[in-house]
Protein backbone atom coordinates (compact mmCIF):
# COMPACT_ATOMS: atom_id res chain seq x y z
CA MET A 1 0.00 0.00 0.00
CA ARG A 2 1.28 3.47 -0.87
CA LYS A 3 2.29 5.52 2.18
CA ASN A 4 2.83 9.24 2.69
CA ILE A 5 6.45 10.34 2.71
CA ILE A 6 7.83 11.83 5.92
CA THR A 7 10.30 14.72 5.66
CA VAL A 8 12.71 16.26 8.16
CA LEU A 9 10.54 19.36 8.18
CA SER A 10 7.29 17.53 8.90
CA HIS A 11 8.56 14.88 11.37
CA PRO A 12 12.19 15.61 12.38
CA ALA A 13 12.35 13.05 15.20
CA ALA A 14 10.99 10.21 13.05
CA LEU A 15 13.97 10.36 10.68
CA ARG A 16 16.56 10.63 13.44
CA ARG A 17 15.67 7.58 15.52
CA LYS A 18 17.72 4.41 15.27
CA CYS A 19 16.13 1.74 13.08
CA SER A 20 15.97 -1.95 13.88
CA HIS A 21 17.31 -4.73 11.66
CA PHE A 22 15.18 -7.17 9.72
CA PRO A 23 15.55 -10.87 10.57
CA PRO A 24 16.94 -13.21 7.88
CA ILE A 25 14.54 -13.42 4.92
CA GLU A 26 13.50 -16.99 5.74
CA GLU A 27 12.31 -15.71 9.14
CA PHE A 28 10.28 -12.75 7.83
CA ALA A 29 6.91 -12.29 9.51
CA ASP A 30 3.90 -11.00 7.61
CA ILE A 31 4.53 -7.51 9.00
CA ASP A 32 8.07 -7.55 7.56
CA LYS A 33 6.80 -8.60 4.13
CA ALA A 34 4.12 -5.91 4.28
CA ALA A 35 6.70 -3.22 5.16
CA ILE A 36 8.85 -4.15 2.13
CA GLN A 37 5.77 -4.19 -0.11
CA ASP A 38 4.75 -0.74 1.20
CA LEU A 39 8.24 0.54 0.39
CA LYS A 40 8.07 -0.81 -3.16
CA ASP A 41 4.51 0.45 -3.73
CA THR A 42 5.36 3.95 -2.48
CA PHE A 43 8.53 4.09 -4.57
CA ASP A 44 6.63 2.97 -7.68
CA VAL A 45 4.34 5.99 -7.30
CA THR A 46 6.93 8.59 -6.29
CA GLN A 47 9.97 7.39 -8.30
CA GLY A 48 13.14 9.42 -7.75
CA TYR A 49 16.61 8.20 -6.76
CA GLY A 50 15.65 6.18 -3.73
CA LEU A 51 13.46 5.79 -0.67
CA SER A 52 13.91 4.30 2.79
CA LEU A 53 11.44 2.67 5.16
CA PRO A 54 11.87 5.40 7.82
CA GLN A 55 10.71 7.90 5.18
CA ILE A 56 7.34 6.14 5.09
CA GLY A 57 7.02 5.71 8.85
CA THR A 58 8.57 2.30 9.56
CA ALA A 59 11.70 2.30 11.74
CA LYS A 60 13.39 -0.69 10.06
CA ARG A 61 16.49 -0.87 7.89
CA ALA A 62 15.55 -1.14 4.20
CA ILE A 63 15.94 1.08 1.16
CA VAL A 64 15.10 0.99 -2.52
CA VAL A 65 17.59 2.59 -4.94
CA ASN A 66 16.84 3.52 -8.56
CA PHE A 67 20.15 2.76 -10.30
CA SER A 68 18.75 3.85 -13.68
CA ALA A 69 18.08 7.35 -12.33
CA LEU A 70 21.68 7.45 -11.09
CA GLY A 71 22.99 6.55 -14.55
CA LEU A 72 24.01 3.04 -13.49
CA ASP A 73 21.77 1.08 -15.85
CA GLU A 74 24.06 -1.96 -15.78
CA LEU A 75 23.07 -2.56 -12.14
CA GLY A 76 19.38 -2.86 -12.99
CA THR A 77 16.49 -0.57 -12.27
CA ALA A 78 15.09 -0.27 -8.75
CA VAL A 79 16.70 -2.59 -6.19
CA VAL A 80 15.52 -3.20 -2.62
CA MET A 81 18.30 -3.51 -0.03
CA ILE A 82 17.52 -4.97 3.39
CA ASN A 83 19.80 -4.15 6.33
CA PRO A 84 22.25 -2.19 4.14
CA GLU A 85 25.63 -1.22 5.55
CA ILE A 86 28.05 1.42 4.31
CA GLU A 87 31.68 0.41 4.25
CA THR A 88 34.52 2.80 3.52
CA LEU A 89 37.23 1.49 1.25
CA GLY A 90 40.75 2.87 0.96
């Protein structure tokens, strides 16, 4: 289901709280599956470069990134990442 997008101006505390991790995919509950589906549905309507679950009101770690919009067509179109981590190299 499409959700409204939360911004720093409308809900500053909601985007600053620490998000929880998802369990392994084989242990997903129905609520976890629904959260990912909400993320995909909302992104399909809004498009853009990317969207995270906290931006639609769920404090869990997942994002969708539109690689085509970033000029990285070889990586596919929109990709959902669950529990992403940023690593610095070099």
